[in-house]
Amino acid sequence: MKKSFFIILSAFALASCEKEIDVDLTDQSGNIVIEGNVTDKPGPYTVKITKSVGFSSPNQYPAVAGAEVVLSDDAGQTETLHYVGNGEYQTSTFYGDPGRTYTLKVKAEGKEYTAQSTMPEPVPLMGLVQSSFKFGDKTSYTLLPVFTDPAPLGNRYLFSFTINNLTKKYMNVFSDNVNNGLPNQQPLILPNDDNKGRDHEVKPGDKIHVEMQCISTNIFTYYNALLQITGGNGGSATPANPPSNINNGALGYFSAHTESKESFEIVDMTTP
């Protein structure tokens, strides 16, 4: 049995895994991969359509042109996206609102794929607080996203951050299973030489650009599984395909989510 892993990992580092997820180990190279997002911020929104490749293949994902891509919501809004190249289809006038349910329909290479995602209500990101820990002559840093989880259970969060102007993106997922209704207590671990697979050591003067997304449960499941697949929890995992919320055998995800962004410059807290 050949194993397949379609997601583009070269730009991402992931951490904060929560629980065991069953993943598909079958060969799915050559399948349609759909990655779509709608947010509460002004568009255009993008749906990217490519073809999957085997785990041992180079990270070159063939673009799919000529697809019909339609976004709609439960308020009657609908738009057919236009192709802009490199497998990407974009909206022109479509807008996202929290609480709405969004439907994505894709017709490509003789098959039709659909997905739905309900955008959660926003949870404001109020700021970032730095902590530092010194071990011998090495200092490690964390950032605590400042927000208060709403009282109802079931909120899910995706955090991504970049450092300075580097393109590599790091990701964490949080749930409110532990701190429901309370101020956040889960920090973002910033990379250093001890973080496996991370190639930048954060130091004073670095600017950390953080994006917080309030995501649906199925998108949380997708990224949580991706963390396990990549060994983001410090363990090991067999390469596989995360569970998709898109039907008819497509890989990938369709996410309607809210966004908050903050930037923070690391300061030296170890000197008097």
C-alpha atoms as a PDB file:
ATOM      1  CA  MET A   1       0.000   0.000   0.000  1.00  0.00           C
ATOM      2  CA  LYS A   2       1.503   3.282  -1.125  1.00  0.00           C
ATOM      3  CA  LYS A   3       1.021   6.166   1.287  1.00  0.00           C
ATOM      4  CA  SER A   4       0.014   9.616   0.084  1.00  0.00           C
ATOM      5  CA  PHE A   5       0.214  13.023   1.698  1.00  0.00           C
ATOM      6  CA  PHE A   6      -1.117  15.902  -0.374  1.00  0.00           C
ATOM      7  CA  ILE A   7      -0.819  18.985   1.804  1.00  0.00           C
ATOM      8  CA  ILE A   8       1.932  21.493   1.069  1.00  0.00           C
ATOM      9  CA  LEU A   9       4.100  21.392   4.191  1.00  0.00           C
ATOM     10  CA  SER A  10       7.202  23.258   3.062  1.00  0.00           C
ATOM     11  CA  ALA A  11       5.704  26.586   4.156  1.00  0.00           C
ATOM     12  CA  PHE A  12       4.281  25.427   7.476  1.00  0.00           C
ATOM     13  CA  ALA A  13       5.365  24.268  10.897  1.00  0.00           C
ATOM     14  CA  LEU A  14       2.648  23.023  13.221  1.00  0.00           C
ATOM     15  CA  ALA A  15       2.203  22.351  16.923  1.00  0.00           C
ATOM     16  CA  SER A  16      -0.378  21.804  19.719  1.00  0.00           C
ATOM     17  CA  CYS A  17      -2.084  18.506  18.932  1.00  0.00           C
ATOM     18  CA  GLU A  18      -5.058  17.413  21.048  1.00  0.00           C
ATOM     19  CA  LYS A  19      -6.363  13.859  20.486  1.00  0.00           C
ATOM     20  CA  GLU A  20      -6.128  10.789  18.298  1.00  0.00           C
ATOM     21  CA  ILE A  21      -7.647  11.139  14.813  1.00  0.00           C
ATOM     22  CA  ASP A  22      -8.202   8.312  12.328  1.00  0.00           C
ATOM     23  CA  VAL A  23      -6.602   9.229   8.989  1.00  0.00           C
ATOM     24  CA  ASP A  24      -6.683   7.691   5.530  1.00  0.00           C
ATOM     25  CA  LEU A  25      -3.510   5.833   4.563  1.00  0.00           C
ATOM     26  CA  THR A  26      -4.525   4.887   1.021  1.00  0.00           C
ATOM     27  CA  ASP A  27      -2.848   6.183  -2.115  1.00  0.00           C
ATOM     28  CA  GLN A  28      -4.702   9.354  -3.117  1.00  0.00           C
ATOM     29  CA  SER A  29      -2.193  10.876  -5.506  1.00  0.00           C
ATOM     30  CA  GLY A  30      -3.879  12.418  -8.544  1.00  0.00           C
ATOM     31  CA  ASN A  31      -6.998  13.461  -6.613  1.00  0.00           C
ATOM     32  CA  ILE A  32      -8.533  16.899  -6.656  1.00  0.00           C
ATOM     33  CA  VAL A  33      -7.319  19.127  -3.800  1.00  0.00           C
ATOM     34  CA  ILE A  34      -9.554  22.086  -2.884  1.00  0.00           C
ATOM     35  CA  GLU A  35      -8.459  24.761  -0.408  1.00  0.00           C
ATOM     36  CA  GLY A  36     -11.036  27.513   0.116  1.00  0.00           C
ATOM     37  CA  ASN A  37     -11.568  30.299   2.647  1.00  0.00           C
ATOM     38  CA  VAL A  38     -14.239  32.890   3.409  1.00  0.00           C
ATOM     39  CA  THR A  39     -13.625  35.378   6.236  1.00  0.00           C
ATOM     40  CA  ASP A  40     -15.318  38.275   8.007  1.00  0.00           C
ATOM     41  CA  LYS A  41     -12.838  40.664   6.376  1.00  0.00           C
ATOM     42  CA  PRO A  42     -13.293  42.178   2.874  1.00  0.00           C
ATOM     43  CA  GLY A  43     -12.357  39.889  -0.034  1.00  0.00           C
ATOM     44  CA  PRO A  44     -11.439  38.838  -2.570  1.00  0.00           C
ATOM     45  CA  TYR A  45     -11.619  35.290  -1.229  1.00  0.00           C
ATOM     46  CA  THR A  46      -9.682  32.535  -2.943  1.00  0.00           C
ATOM     47  CA  VAL A  47     -10.369  28.897  -3.726  1.00  0.00           C
ATOM     48  CA  LYS A  48      -7.300  27.004  -4.907  1.00  0.00           C
ATOM     49  CA  ILE A  49      -7.684  23.769  -6.887  1.00  0.00           C
ATOM     50  CA  THR A  50      -4.745  21.469  -7.557  1.00  0.00           C
ATOM     51  CA  LYS A  51      -3.970  17.756  -7.898  1.00  0.00           C
ATOM     52  CA  SER A  52      -2.419  15.704  -5.117  1.00  0.00           C
ATOM     53  CA  VAL A  53       0.954  13.981  -5.431  1.00  0.00           C
ATOM     54  CA  GLY A  54       2.472  11.014  -3.619  1.00  0.00           C
ATOM     55  CA  PHE A  55       4.345  11.556  -0.366  1.00  0.00           C
ATOM     56  CA  SER A  56       7.668  10.741  -2.004  1.00  0.00           C
ATOM     57  CA  SER A  57       7.060  13.063  -4.969  1.00  0.00           C
ATOM     58  CA  PRO A  58       8.461  16.604  -5.219  1.00  0.00           C
ATOM     59  CA  ASN A  59       6.263  19.393  -3.779  1.00  0.00           C
ATOM     60  CA  GLN A  60       4.922  20.367  -7.195  1.00  0.00           C
ATOM     61  CA  TYR A  61       1.128  20.383  -7.222  1.00  0.00           C
ATOM     62  CA  PRO A  62      -0.449  20.593 -10.704  1.00  0.00           C
ATOM     63  CA  ALA A  63      -2.917  23.462 -11.000  1.00  0.00           C
ATOM     64  CA  VAL A  64      -6.465  22.717 -12.167  1.00  0.00           C
ATOM     65  CA  ALA A  65      -7.806  25.267 -14.642  1.00  0.00           C
ATOM     66  CA  GLY A  66     -11.226  25.356 -16.290  1.00  0.00           C
ATOM     67  CA  ALA A  67     -13.228  24.522 -13.169  1.00  0.00           C
ATOM     68  CA  GLU A  68     -16.598  26.058 -12.322  1.00  0.00           C
ATOM     69  CA  VAL A  69     -16.465  27.422  -8.754  1.00  0.00           C
ATOM     70  CA  VAL A  70     -19.538  28.887  -7.043  1.00  0.00           C
ATOM     71  CA  LEU A  71     -19.839  30.363  -3.531  1.00  0.00           C
ATOM     72  CA  SER A  72     -23.196  30.988  -1.871  1.00  0.00           C
ATOM     73  CA  ASP A  73     -24.624  31.598   1.590  1.00  0.00           C
ATOM     74  CA  ASP A  74     -27.879  31.027   3.468  1.00  0.00           C
ATOM     75  CA  ALA A  75     -28.933  34.657   2.878  1.00  0.00           C
ATOM     76  CA  GLY A  76     -29.188  34.232  -0.906  1.00  0.00           C
ATOM     77  CA  GLN A  77     -25.789  35.649  -1.860  1.00  0.00           C
ATOM     78  CA  THR A  78     -24.075  33.764  -4.702  1.00  0.00           C
ATOM     79  CA  GLU A  79     -21.111  34.343  -7.007  1.00  0.00           C
ATOM     80  CA  THR A  80     -19.211  32.407  -9.651  1.00  0.00           C
ATOM     81  CA  LEU A  81     -15.491  32.875  -9.074  1.00  0.00           C
ATOM     82  CA  HIS A  82     -13.096  33.880 -11.861  1.00  0.00           C
ATOM     83  CA  TYR A  83      -9.810  32.134 -12.617  1.00  0.00           C
ATOM     84  CA  VAL A  84      -6.661  34.164 -11.911  1.00  0.00           C
ATOM     85  CA  GLY A  85      -4.049  31.500 -12.649  1.00  0.00           C
ATOM     86  CA  ASN A  86      -1.980  28.963 -10.702  1.00  0.00           C
ATOM     87  CA  GLY A  87      -5.119  27.001  -9.812  1.00  0.00           C
ATOM     88  CA  GLU A  88      -6.644  29.986  -7.983  1.00  0.00           C
ATOM     89  CA  TYR A  89     -10.229  31.222  -8.343  1.00  0.00           C
ATOM     90  CA  GLN A  90     -11.298  34.527  -6.742  1.00  0.00           C
ATOM     91  CA  THR A  91     -14.442  36.395  -5.776  1.00  0.00           C
ATOM     92  CA  SER A  92     -15.238  39.951  -6.868  1.00  0.00           C
ATOM     93  CA  THR A  93     -18.129  41.141  -4.680  1.00  0.00           C
ATOM     94  CA  PHE A  94     -18.800  38.284  -2.258  1.00  0.00           C
ATOM     95  CA  TYR A  95     -18.605  39.136   1.463  1.00  0.00           C
ATOM     96  CA  GLY A  96     -18.552  37.064   4.634  1.00  0.00           C
ATOM     97  CA  ASP A  97     -20.505  37.559   7.863  1.00  0.00           C
ATOM     98  CA  PRO A  98     -20.278  35.636  11.162  1.00  0.00           C
ATOM     99  CA  GLY A  99     -23.166  33.262  11.798  1.00  0.00           C
ATOM    100  CA  ARG A 100     -23.823  32.598   8.110  1.00  0.00           C
ATOM    101  CA  THR A 101     -23.473  29.168   6.524  1.00  0.00           C
ATOM    102  CA  TYR A 102     -21.487  29.097   3.280  1.00  0.00           C
ATOM    103  CA  THR A 103     -21.635  26.540   0.497  1.00  0.00           C
ATOM    104  CA  LEU A 104     -18.864  25.868  -2.002  1.00  0.00           C
ATOM    105  CA  LYS A 105     -19.616  24.007  -5.245  1.00  0.00           C
ATOM    106  CA  VAL A 106     -16.843  22.981  -7.623  1.00  0.00           C
ATOM    107  CA  LYS A 107     -17.190  21.252 -10.989  1.00  0.00           C
ATOM    108  CA  ALA A 108     -13.831  20.017 -12.240  1.00  0.00           C
ATOM    109  CA  GLU A 109     -12.691  17.260 -14.579  1.00  0.00           C
ATOM    110  CA  GLY A 110     -16.156  15.738 -14.869  1.00  0.00           C
ATOM    111  CA  LYS A 111     -16.962  15.594 -11.141  1.00  0.00           C
ATOM    112  CA  GLU A 112     -18.835  17.859  -8.746  1.00  0.00           C
ATOM    113  CA  TYR A 113     -17.721  18.616  -5.195  1.00  0.00           C
ATOM    114  CA  THR A 114     -19.573  20.441  -2.436  1.00  0.00           C
ATOM    115  CA  ALA A 115     -18.755  21.638   1.071  1.00  0.00           C
ATOM    116  CA  GLN A 116     -20.400  23.735   3.748  1.00  0.00           C
ATOM    117  CA  SER A 117     -18.940  25.775   6.595  1.00  0.00           C
ATOM    118  CA  THR A 118     -20.626  27.987   9.179  1.00  0.00           C
ATOM    119  CA  MET A 119     -18.617  31.031  10.252  1.00  0.00           C
ATOM    120  CA  PRO A 120     -18.376  31.281  14.064  1.00  0.00           C
ATOM    121  CA  GLU A 121     -18.964  34.501  15.931  1.00  0.00           C
ATOM    122  CA  PRO A 122     -15.729  36.468  16.384  1.00  0.00           C
ATOM    123  CA  VAL A 123     -13.679  36.356  19.573  1.00  0.00           C
ATOM    124  CA  PRO A 124     -11.517  39.511  19.729  1.00  0.00           C
ATOM    125  CA  LEU A 125      -7.740  39.157  19.992  1.00  0.00           C
ATOM    126  CA  MET A 126      -6.895  41.864  22.542  1.00  0.00           C
ATOM    127  CA  GLY A 127      -3.125  41.662  22.380  1.00  0.00           C
ATOM    128  CA  LEU A 128      -0.031  39.508  22.920  1.00  0.00           C
ATOM    129  CA  VAL A 129       2.032  39.054  26.085  1.00  0.00           C
ATOM    130  CA  GLN A 130       5.640  37.843  25.972  1.00  0.00           C
ATOM    131  CA  SER A 131       7.320  35.415  28.352  1.00  0.00           C
ATOM    132  CA  SER A 132      10.935  34.284  28.255  1.00  0.00           C
ATOM    133  CA  PHE A 133      12.756  31.370  29.847  1.00  0.00           C
ATOM    134  CA  LYS A 134      16.517  31.151  30.239  1.00  0.00           C
ATOM    135  CA  PHE A 135      18.286  27.763  30.321  1.00  0.00           C
ATOM    136  CA  GLY A 136      22.026  28.185  30.660  1.00  0.00           C
ATOM    137  CA  ASP A 137      23.033  30.627  27.965  1.00  0.00           C
ATOM    138  CA  LYS A 138      19.916  30.026  25.828  1.00  0.00           C
ATOM    139  CA  THR A 139      16.683  32.025  26.042  1.00  0.00           C
ATOM    140  CA  SER A 140      13.379  30.703  24.720  1.00  0.00           C
ATOM    141  CA  TYR A 141      10.308  32.857  24.101  1.00  0.00           C
ATOM    142  CA  THR A 142       6.548  32.402  24.091  1.00  0.00           C
ATOM    143  CA  LEU A 143       3.657  34.710  23.241  1.00  0.00           C
ATOM    144  CA  LEU A 144       0.327  34.455  25.031  1.00  0.00           C
ATOM    145  CA  PRO A 145      -2.613  35.555  22.844  1.00  0.00           C
ATOM    146  CA  VAL A 146      -4.881  37.680  25.037  1.00  0.00           C
ATOM    147  CA  PHE A 147      -8.555  36.801  24.586  1.00  0.00           C
ATOM    148  CA  THR A 148     -11.409  35.479  26.686  1.00  0.00           C
ATOM    149  CA  ASP A 149     -13.198  32.357  25.546  1.00  0.00           C
ATOM    150  CA  PRO A 150     -17.015  32.704  25.454  1.00  0.00           C
ATOM    151  CA  ALA A 151     -19.041  30.738  27.990  1.00  0.00           C
ATOM    152  CA  PRO A 152     -20.680  28.235  25.571  1.00  0.00           C
ATOM    153  CA  LEU A 153     -18.526  25.152  25.047  1.00  0.00           C
ATOM    154  CA  GLY A 154     -17.279  24.386  21.538  1.00  0.00           C
ATOM    155  CA  ASN A 155     -15.077  27.282  20.459  1.00  0.00           C
ATOM    156  CA  ARG A 156     -12.122  26.358  18.268  1.00  0.00           C
ATOM    157  CA  TYR A 157      -9.147  28.501  17.277  1.00  0.00           C
ATOM    158  CA  LEU A 158      -6.387  28.389  14.690  1.00  0.00           C
ATOM    159  CA  PHE A 159      -3.315  30.565  15.286  1.00  0.00           C
ATOM    160  CA  SER A 160      -0.712  31.175  12.606  1.00  0.00           C
ATOM    161  CA  PHE A 161       2.325  33.407  12.812  1.00  0.00           C
ATOM    162  CA  THR A 162       5.250  34.539  10.722  1.00  0.00           C
ATOM    163  CA  ILE A 163       8.542  36.094  11.804  1.00  0.00           C
ATOM    164  CA  ASN A 164       9.805  39.359  10.337  1.00  0.00           C
ATOM    165  CA  ASN A 165       9.438  39.153   6.557  1.00  0.00           C
ATOM    166  CA  LEU A 166      10.056  35.409   6.339  1.00  0.00           C
ATOM    167  CA  THR A 167       7.499  33.395   4.364  1.00  0.00           C
ATOM    168  CA  LYS A 168       7.469  30.333   6.611  1.00  0.00           C
ATOM    169  CA  LYS A 169       4.249  30.102   8.623  1.00  0.00           C
ATOM    170  CA  TYR A 170       3.858  28.356  11.991  1.00  0.00           C
ATOM    171  CA  MET A 171       0.497  27.054  13.199  1.00  0.00           C
ATOM    172  CA  ASN A 172      -1.226  26.030  16.433  1.00  0.00           C
ATOM    173  CA  VAL A 173      -4.788  24.909  17.164  1.00  0.00           C
ATOM    174  CA  PHE A 174      -6.570  25.536  20.470  1.00  0.00           C
ATOM    175  CA  SER A 175      -9.930  24.356  21.787  1.00  0.00           C
ATOM    176  CA  ASP A 176     -11.883  25.510  24.849  1.00  0.00           C
ATOM    177  CA  ASN A 177     -12.198  22.023  26.320  1.00  0.00           C
ATOM    178  CA  VAL A 178      -9.809  22.954  29.148  1.00  0.00           C
ATOM    179  CA  ASN A 179     -10.466  26.665  29.734  1.00  0.00           C
ATOM    180  CA  ASN A 180     -14.043  27.157  28.587  1.00  0.00           C
ATOM    181  CA  GLY A 181     -15.327  30.637  29.410  1.00  0.00           C
ATOM    182  CA  LEU A 182     -11.967  31.766  30.823  1.00  0.00           C
ATOM    183  CA  PRO A 183      -9.083  34.002  29.727  1.00  0.00           C
ATOM    184  CA  ASN A 184      -6.724  32.144  27.383  1.00  0.00           C
ATOM    185  CA  GLN A 185      -3.850  30.293  29.058  1.00  0.00           C
ATOM    186  CA  GLN A 186      -2.333  28.561  26.012  1.00  0.00           C
ATOM    187  CA  PRO A 187       0.835  30.231  24.659  1.00  0.00           C
ATOM    188  CA  LEU A 188       2.353  30.151  21.194  1.00  0.00           C
ATOM    189  CA  ILE A 189       5.760  28.480  21.353  1.00  0.00           C
ATOM    190  CA  LEU A 190       8.179  30.514  19.270  1.00  0.00           C
ATOM    191  CA  PRO A 191      10.901  28.630  17.361  1.00  0.00           C
ATOM    192  CA  ASN A 192      14.412  28.161  18.643  1.00  0.00           C
ATOM    193  CA  ASP A 193      17.249  25.749  17.939  1.00  0.00           C
ATOM    194  CA  ASP A 194      15.622  23.107  20.156  1.00  0.00           C
ATOM    195  CA  ASN A 195      12.359  23.021  18.158  1.00  0.00           C
ATOM    196  CA  LYS A 196      12.545  20.072  15.778  1.00  0.00           C
ATOM    197  CA  GLY A 197      12.117  21.086  12.147  1.00  0.00           C
ATOM    198  CA  ARG A 198      12.231  24.806  12.827  1.00  0.00           C
ATOM    199  CA  ASP A 199      14.917  26.822  11.124  1.00  0.00           C
ATOM    200  CA  HIS A 200      14.766  30.205  12.854  1.00  0.00           C
ATOM    201  CA  GLU A 201      15.775  31.109  16.386  1.00  0.00           C
ATOM    202  CA  VAL A 202      13.648  33.963  17.714  1.00  0.00           C
ATOM    203  CA  LYS A 203      15.678  36.758  19.311  1.00  0.00           C
ATOM    204  CA  PRO A 204      15.037  40.271  20.640  1.00  0.00           C
ATOM    205  CA  GLY A 205      14.101  42.648  17.834  1.00  0.00           C
ATOM    206  CA  ASP A 206      12.221  40.004  15.832  1.00  0.00           C
ATOM    207  CA  LYS A 207       8.677  40.984  14.845  1.00  0.00           C
ATOM    208  CA  ILE A 208       6.056  38.255  15.221  1.00  0.00           C
ATOM    209  CA  HIS A 209       2.928  38.662  13.087  1.00  0.00           C
ATOM    210  CA  VAL A 210       0.027  36.640  14.556  1.00  0.00           C
ATOM    211  CA  GLU A 211      -3.318  35.804  12.989  1.00  0.00           C
ATOM    212  CA  MET A 212      -6.115  34.343  15.117  1.00  0.00           C
ATOM    213  CA  GLN A 213      -8.973  32.514  13.399  1.00  0.00           C
ATOM    214  CA  CYS A 214     -12.222  31.390  15.017  1.00  0.00           C
ATOM    215  CA  ILE A 215     -12.895  28.157  13.129  1.00  0.00           C
ATOM    216  CA  SER A 216     -15.600  25.507  12.930  1.00  0.00           C
ATOM    217  CA  THR A 217     -15.237  22.088  14.538  1.00  0.00           C
ATOM    218  CA  ASN A 218     -14.586  20.255  11.262  1.00  0.00           C
ATOM    219  CA  ILE A 219     -11.769  22.656  10.340  1.00  0.00           C
ATOM    220  CA  PHE A 220     -10.300  22.175  13.820  1.00  0.00           C
ATOM    221  CA  THR A 221     -10.425  18.408  13.196  1.00  0.00           C
ATOM    222  CA  TYR A 222      -8.659  18.869   9.870  1.00  0.00           C
ATOM    223  CA  TYR A 223      -5.753  20.876  11.311  1.00  0.00           C
ATOM    224  CA  ASN A 224      -5.604  18.777  14.467  1.00  0.00           C
ATOM    225  CA  ALA A 225      -5.125  15.686  12.301  1.00  0.00           C
ATOM    226  CA  LEU A 226      -2.548  17.518  10.211  1.00  0.00           C
ATOM    227  CA  LEU A 227      -0.573  18.230  13.383  1.00  0.00           C
ATOM    228  CA  GLN A 228      -0.544  14.535  14.249  1.00  0.00           C
ATOM    229  CA  ILE A 229       0.472  13.578  10.724  1.00  0.00           C
ATOM    230  CA  THR A 230       3.441  15.917  10.850  1.00  0.00           C
ATOM    231  CA  GLY A 231       4.449  14.910  14.365  1.00  0.00           C
ATOM    232  CA  GLY A 232       3.630  18.382  15.639  1.00  0.00           C
ATOM    233  CA  ASN A 233       2.951  17.016  19.113  1.00  0.00           C
ATOM    234  CA  GLY A 234       6.513  15.782  19.486  1.00  0.00           C
ATOM    235  CA  GLY A 235       5.607  12.227  18.545  1.00  0.00           C
ATOM    236  CA  SER A 236       5.712  10.419  15.232  1.00  0.00           C
ATOM    237  CA  ALA A 237       2.954   9.733  12.735  1.00  0.00           C
ATOM    238  CA  THR A 238       2.560   7.965   9.427  1.00  0.00           C
ATOM    239  CA  PRO A 239       2.021  10.348   6.469  1.00  0.00           C
ATOM    240  CA  ALA A 240      -1.660  10.409   5.524  1.00  0.00           C
ATOM    241  CA  ASN A 241      -4.496  12.686   4.422  1.00  0.00           C
ATOM    242  CA  PRO A 242      -6.368  14.823   6.991  1.00  0.00           C
ATOM    243  CA  PRO A 243     -10.175  14.368   7.066  1.00  0.00           C
ATOM    244  CA  SER A 244     -11.795  16.766   4.594  1.00  0.00           C
ATOM    245  CA  ASN A 245     -15.189  18.473   4.870  1.00  0.00           C
ATOM    246  CA  ILE A 246     -15.505  18.338   1.052  1.00  0.00           C
ATOM    247  CA  ASN A 247     -17.506  15.466  -0.441  1.00  0.00           C
ATOM    248  CA  ASN A 248     -17.021  13.107  -3.380  1.00  0.00           C
ATOM    249  CA  GLY A 249     -13.431  12.143  -2.583  1.00  0.00           C
ATOM    250  CA  ALA A 250     -11.845  15.582  -2.749  1.00  0.00           C
ATOM    251  CA  LEU A 251      -8.936  16.390  -0.472  1.00  0.00           C
ATOM    252  CA  GLY A 252      -8.443  19.695   1.319  1.00  0.00           C
ATOM    253  CA  TYR A 253     -10.875  21.912   3.224  1.00  0.00           C
ATOM    254  CA  PHE A 254     -13.385  24.741   2.967  1.00  0.00           C
ATOM    255  CA  SER A 255     -13.317  27.148   5.912  1.00  0.00           C
ATOM    256  CA  ALA A 256     -15.556  30.080   6.849  1.00  0.00           C
ATOM    257  CA  HIS A 257     -13.839  31.819   9.759  1.00  0.00           C
ATOM    258  CA  THR A 258     -13.199  35.137  11.452  1.00  0.00           C
ATOM    259  CA  GLU A 259      -9.788  36.818  11.595  1.00  0.00           C
ATOM    260  CA  SER A 260      -7.930  39.025  14.083  1.00  0.00           C
ATOM    261  CA  LYS A 261      -4.310  40.129  13.635  1.00  0.00           C
ATOM    262  CA  GLU A 262      -1.670  41.518  15.979  1.00  0.00           C
ATOM    263  CA  SER A 263       2.090  42.101  15.681  1.00  0.00           C
ATOM    264  CA  PHE A 264       4.632  42.048  18.501  1.00  0.00           C
ATOM    265  CA  GLU A 265       8.336  42.876  18.712  1.00  0.00           C
ATOM    266  CA  ILE A 266      10.339  40.563  20.968  1.00  0.00           C
ATOM    267  CA  VAL A 267      12.191  42.374  23.747  1.00  0.00           C
ATOM    268  CA  ASP A 268      15.096  41.219  25.910  1.00  0.00           C
ATOM    269  CA  MET A 269      13.591  40.536  29.341  1.00  0.00           C
ATOM    270  CA  THR A 270      16.658  38.812  30.803  1.00  0.00           C
ATOM    271  CA  THR A 271      18.829  41.885  31.319  1.00  0.00           C
ATOM    272  CA  PRO A 272      18.398  44.139  34.383  1.00  0.00           C
END
